[in-house]
Amino acid sequence: MTALAEKIYNEVLDLPTDERLSLIDKLLHIITIPAPADIEAAWLKESHKRLADIRSGKAQTIPGETVFQEINERFRK
């Protein structure tokens, strides 16, 4: 990592969690490129598998509120 990137990273650590998540979202948007068809097909297959696992009881879902609470607790300074 360059010195500038390291400096930015260290400054980001001082931001509240919601601002860090917002920054992550913006960074992901500028680097995201359209997925090739084979990747799209693989994700569609995986999503169908996951839905079948949930419906059959093989997998359980976690409420979004719980997920975000755990993220906030993990990254809280």
N, C-alpha and C. Protein backbone atom coordinates (compact mmCIF):
# COMPACT_ATOMS: atom_id res chain seq x y z
N MET A 1 0.85 -1.17 0.00
CA MET A 1 0.00 0.00 0.00
C MET A 1 0.90 1.24 0.00
N THR A 2 0.53 2.23 -0.79
CA THR A 2 1.32 3.46 -0.84
C THR A 2 1.15 4.24 0.47
N ALA A 3 2.04 5.19 0.67
CA ALA A 3 1.96 6.02 1.88
C ALA A 3 0.64 6.78 1.91
N LEU A 4 0.20 7.29 0.76
CA LEU A 4 -1.07 8.03 0.70
C LEU A 4 -2.24 7.11 1.06
N ALA A 5 -2.25 5.90 0.50
CA ALA A 5 -3.33 4.95 0.79
C ALA A 5 -3.32 4.58 2.27
N GLU A 6 -2.14 4.39 2.84
CA GLU A 6 -2.02 4.07 4.27
C GLU A 6 -2.55 5.22 5.12
N LYS A 7 -2.24 6.46 4.73
CA LYS A 7 -2.73 7.63 5.46
C LYS A 7 -4.26 7.71 5.41
N ILE A 8 -4.80 7.50 4.21
CA ILE A 8 -6.27 7.53 4.06
C ILE A 8 -6.90 6.43 4.89
N TYR A 9 -6.33 5.24 4.85
CA TYR A 9 -6.85 4.12 5.63
C TYR A 9 -6.90 4.47 7.11
N ASN A 10 -5.81 5.02 7.62
CA ASN A 10 -5.76 5.36 9.04
C ASN A 10 -6.78 6.45 9.40
N GLU A 11 -7.01 7.39 8.50
CA GLU A 11 -8.01 8.42 8.76
C GLU A 11 -9.42 7.85 8.73
N VAL A 12 -9.64 6.88 7.85
CA VAL A 12 -10.96 6.25 7.76
C VAL A 12 -11.30 5.52 9.06
N LEU A 13 -10.31 4.98 9.73
CA LEU A 13 -10.55 4.27 10.99
C LEU A 13 -11.16 5.18 12.05
N ASP A 14 -10.95 6.48 11.92
CA ASP A 14 -11.51 7.43 12.89
C ASP A 14 -12.96 7.79 12.59
N LEU A 15 -13.47 7.39 11.44
CA LEU A 15 -14.85 7.70 11.08
C LEU A 15 -15.82 6.78 11.82
N PRO A 16 -17.04 7.27 12.05
CA PRO A 16 -18.07 6.38 12.62
C PRO A 16 -18.38 5.25 11.63
N THR A 17 -18.87 4.16 12.14
CA THR A 17 -19.13 2.98 11.33
C THR A 17 -20.03 3.28 10.13
N ASP A 18 -21.09 4.05 10.33
CA ASP A 18 -22.01 4.33 9.22
C ASP A 18 -21.31 5.10 8.11
N GLU A 19 -20.39 6.00 8.45
CA GLU A 19 -19.66 6.74 7.43
C GLU A 19 -18.65 5.84 6.72
N ARG A 20 -18.04 4.91 7.46
CA ARG A 20 -17.12 3.95 6.84
C ARG A 20 -17.86 3.07 5.84
N LEU A 21 -19.05 2.61 6.23
CA LEU A 21 -19.84 1.76 5.33
C LEU A 21 -20.25 2.53 4.09
N SER A 22 -20.61 3.79 4.25
CA SER A 22 -20.98 4.63 3.11
C SER A 22 -19.79 4.80 2.17
N LEU A 23 -18.61 5.01 2.73
CA LEU A 23 -17.40 5.15 1.92
C LEU A 23 -17.09 3.86 1.18
N ILE A 24 -17.23 2.73 1.86
CA ILE A 24 -17.01 1.43 1.21
C ILE A 24 -17.95 1.27 0.03
N ASP A 25 -19.22 1.63 0.23
CA ASP A 25 -20.20 1.53 -0.84
C ASP A 25 -19.79 2.37 -2.04
N LYS A 26 -19.37 3.61 -1.79
CA LYS A 26 -18.95 4.48 -2.89
C LYS A 26 -17.72 3.93 -3.61
N LEU A 27 -16.76 3.41 -2.86
CA LEU A 27 -15.56 2.84 -3.48
C LEU A 27 -15.91 1.62 -4.33
N LEU A 28 -16.81 0.79 -3.83
CA LEU A 28 -17.21 -0.39 -4.60
C LEU A 28 -17.89 0.01 -5.89
N HIS A 29 -18.67 1.08 -5.87
CA HIS A 29 -19.36 1.53 -7.08
C HIS A 29 -18.38 2.00 -8.15
N ILE A 30 -17.26 2.59 -7.76
CA ILE A 30 -16.34 3.08 -8.79
C ILE A 30 -15.45 1.98 -9.35
N ILE A 31 -15.38 0.83 -8.69
CA ILE A 31 -14.54 -0.25 -9.22
C ILE A 31 -15.35 -1.40 -9.80
N THR A 32 -16.66 -1.36 -9.63
CA THR A 32 -17.51 -2.44 -10.12
C THR A 32 -17.68 -2.34 -11.63
N ILE A 33 -17.47 -3.47 -12.27
CA ILE A 33 -17.68 -3.55 -13.72
C ILE A 33 -18.76 -4.59 -13.98
N PRO A 34 -19.46 -4.48 -15.09
CA PRO A 34 -20.49 -5.49 -15.37
C PRO A 34 -19.91 -6.89 -15.39
N ALA A 35 -20.64 -7.82 -14.81
CA ALA A 35 -20.18 -9.21 -14.73
C ALA A 35 -20.38 -9.92 -16.06
N PRO A 36 -19.40 -10.71 -16.47
CA PRO A 36 -19.58 -11.52 -17.68
C PRO A 36 -20.75 -12.49 -17.50
N ALA A 37 -21.29 -12.95 -18.60
CA ALA A 37 -22.47 -13.81 -18.57
C ALA A 37 -22.25 -15.08 -17.75
N ASP A 38 -21.06 -15.65 -17.79
CA ASP A 38 -20.84 -16.90 -17.05
C ASP A 38 -20.87 -16.66 -15.54
N ILE A 39 -20.41 -15.49 -15.11
CA ILE A 39 -20.46 -15.16 -13.69
C ILE A 39 -21.91 -14.92 -13.27
N GLU A 40 -22.66 -14.22 -14.11
CA GLU A 40 -24.08 -13.99 -13.84
C GLU A 40 -24.82 -15.31 -13.72
N ALA A 41 -24.53 -16.24 -14.62
CA ALA A 41 -25.19 -17.55 -14.60
C ALA A 41 -24.83 -18.31 -13.32
N ALA A 42 -23.57 -18.22 -12.90
CA ALA A 42 -23.14 -18.90 -11.68
C ALA A 42 -23.85 -18.33 -10.46
N TRP A 43 -23.99 -16.99 -10.41
CA TRP A 43 -24.70 -16.37 -9.29
C TRP A 43 -26.18 -16.75 -9.28
N LEU A 44 -26.79 -16.83 -10.45
CA LEU A 44 -28.19 -17.23 -10.53
C LEU A 44 -28.35 -18.66 -10.01
N LYS A 45 -27.46 -19.55 -10.41
CA LYS A 45 -27.50 -20.93 -9.93
C LYS A 45 -27.33 -20.97 -8.41
N GLU A 46 -26.37 -20.20 -7.90
CA GLU A 46 -26.12 -20.17 -6.46
C GLU A 46 -27.31 -19.60 -5.70
N SER A 47 -27.94 -18.55 -6.25
CA SER A 47 -29.10 -17.97 -5.56
C SER A 47 -30.25 -18.96 -5.49
N HIS A 48 -30.45 -19.73 -6.55
CA HIS A 48 -31.50 -20.76 -6.53
C HIS A 48 -31.19 -21.83 -5.49
N LYS A 49 -29.90 -22.22 -5.39
CA LYS A 49 -29.49 -23.22 -4.40
C LYS A 49 -29.74 -22.69 -2.99
N ARG A 50 -29.36 -21.43 -2.75
CA ARG A 50 -29.54 -20.86 -1.41
C ARG A 50 -31.02 -20.76 -1.05
N LEU A 51 -31.85 -20.37 -2.01
CA LEU A 51 -33.28 -20.29 -1.75
C LEU A 51 -33.85 -21.67 -1.43
N ALA A 52 -33.42 -22.68 -2.16
CA ALA A 52 -33.87 -24.05 -1.90
C ALA A 52 -33.41 -24.49 -0.50
N ASP A 53 -32.18 -24.14 -0.11
CA ASP A 53 -31.68 -24.50 1.22
C ASP A 53 -32.50 -23.83 2.32
N ILE A 54 -32.89 -22.59 2.09
CA ILE A 54 -33.71 -21.88 3.09
C ILE A 54 -35.08 -22.52 3.17
N ARG A 55 -35.69 -22.78 2.03
CA ARG A 55 -37.04 -23.36 2.02
C ARG A 55 -37.07 -24.76 2.62
N SER A 56 -36.00 -25.52 2.45
CA SER A 56 -35.96 -26.89 2.98
C SER A 56 -35.56 -26.93 4.45
N GLY A 57 -35.09 -25.80 4.99
CA GLY A 57 -34.65 -25.77 6.37
C GLY A 57 -33.18 -26.12 6.55
N LYS A 58 -32.50 -26.39 5.45
CA LYS A 58 -31.07 -26.71 5.51
C LYS A 58 -30.25 -25.49 5.94
N ALA A 59 -30.73 -24.30 5.59
CA ALA A 59 -30.06 -23.05 5.97
C ALA A 59 -31.08 -22.16 6.66
N GLN A 60 -30.60 -21.35 7.58
CA GLN A 60 -31.47 -20.41 8.27
C GLN A 60 -31.04 -18.99 7.94
N THR A 61 -32.01 -18.10 7.92
CA THR A 61 -31.70 -16.69 7.65
C THR A 61 -31.42 -15.97 8.96
N ILE A 62 -30.75 -14.84 8.85
CA ILE A 62 -30.46 -13.98 9.99
C ILE A 62 -31.10 -12.63 9.70
N PRO A 63 -31.89 -12.10 10.64
CA PRO A 63 -32.50 -10.79 10.40
C PRO A 63 -31.44 -9.72 10.12
N GLY A 64 -31.73 -8.84 9.17
CA GLY A 64 -30.79 -7.78 8.82
C GLY A 64 -30.37 -6.95 10.02
N GLU A 65 -31.32 -6.68 10.93
CA GLU A 65 -31.01 -5.89 12.12
C GLU A 65 -29.90 -6.56 12.94
N THR A 66 -29.97 -7.88 13.05
CA THR A 66 -28.95 -8.63 13.80
C THR A 66 -27.60 -8.53 13.11
N VAL A 67 -27.60 -8.68 11.80
CA VAL A 67 -26.36 -8.60 11.04
C VAL A 67 -25.69 -7.24 11.24
N PHE A 68 -26.47 -6.16 11.07
CA PHE A 68 -25.90 -4.82 11.20
C PHE A 68 -25.47 -4.52 12.63
N GLN A 69 -26.19 -5.04 13.60
CA GLN A 69 -25.79 -4.86 14.99
C GLN A 69 -24.44 -5.53 15.24
N GLU A 70 -24.26 -6.74 14.72
CA GLU A 70 -22.99 -7.45 14.88
C GLU A 70 -21.85 -6.72 14.17
N ILE A 71 -22.14 -6.16 12.99
CA ILE A 71 -21.12 -5.38 12.27
C ILE A 71 -20.73 -4.16 13.08
N ASN A 72 -21.73 -3.45 13.59
CA ASN A 72 -21.45 -2.25 14.40
C ASN A 72 -20.64 -2.59 15.63
N GLU A 73 -20.97 -3.68 16.30
CA GLU A 73 -20.23 -4.07 17.50
C GLU A 73 -18.80 -4.48 17.15
N ARG A 74 -18.63 -5.13 16.03
CA ARG A 74 -17.30 -5.59 15.62
C ARG A 74 -16.37 -4.44 15.27
N PHE A 75 -16.93 -3.40 14.64
CA PHE A 75 -16.09 -2.30 14.15
C PHE A 75 -16.16 -1.05 15.03
N ARG A 76 -16.86 -1.12 16.13
CA ARG A 76 -16.97 0.03 17.03
C ARG A 76 -15.61 0.31 17.63
N LYS A 77 -15.25 1.58 17.69
CA LYS A 77 -13.95 1.97 18.28
C LYS A 77 -14.13 2.28 19.74
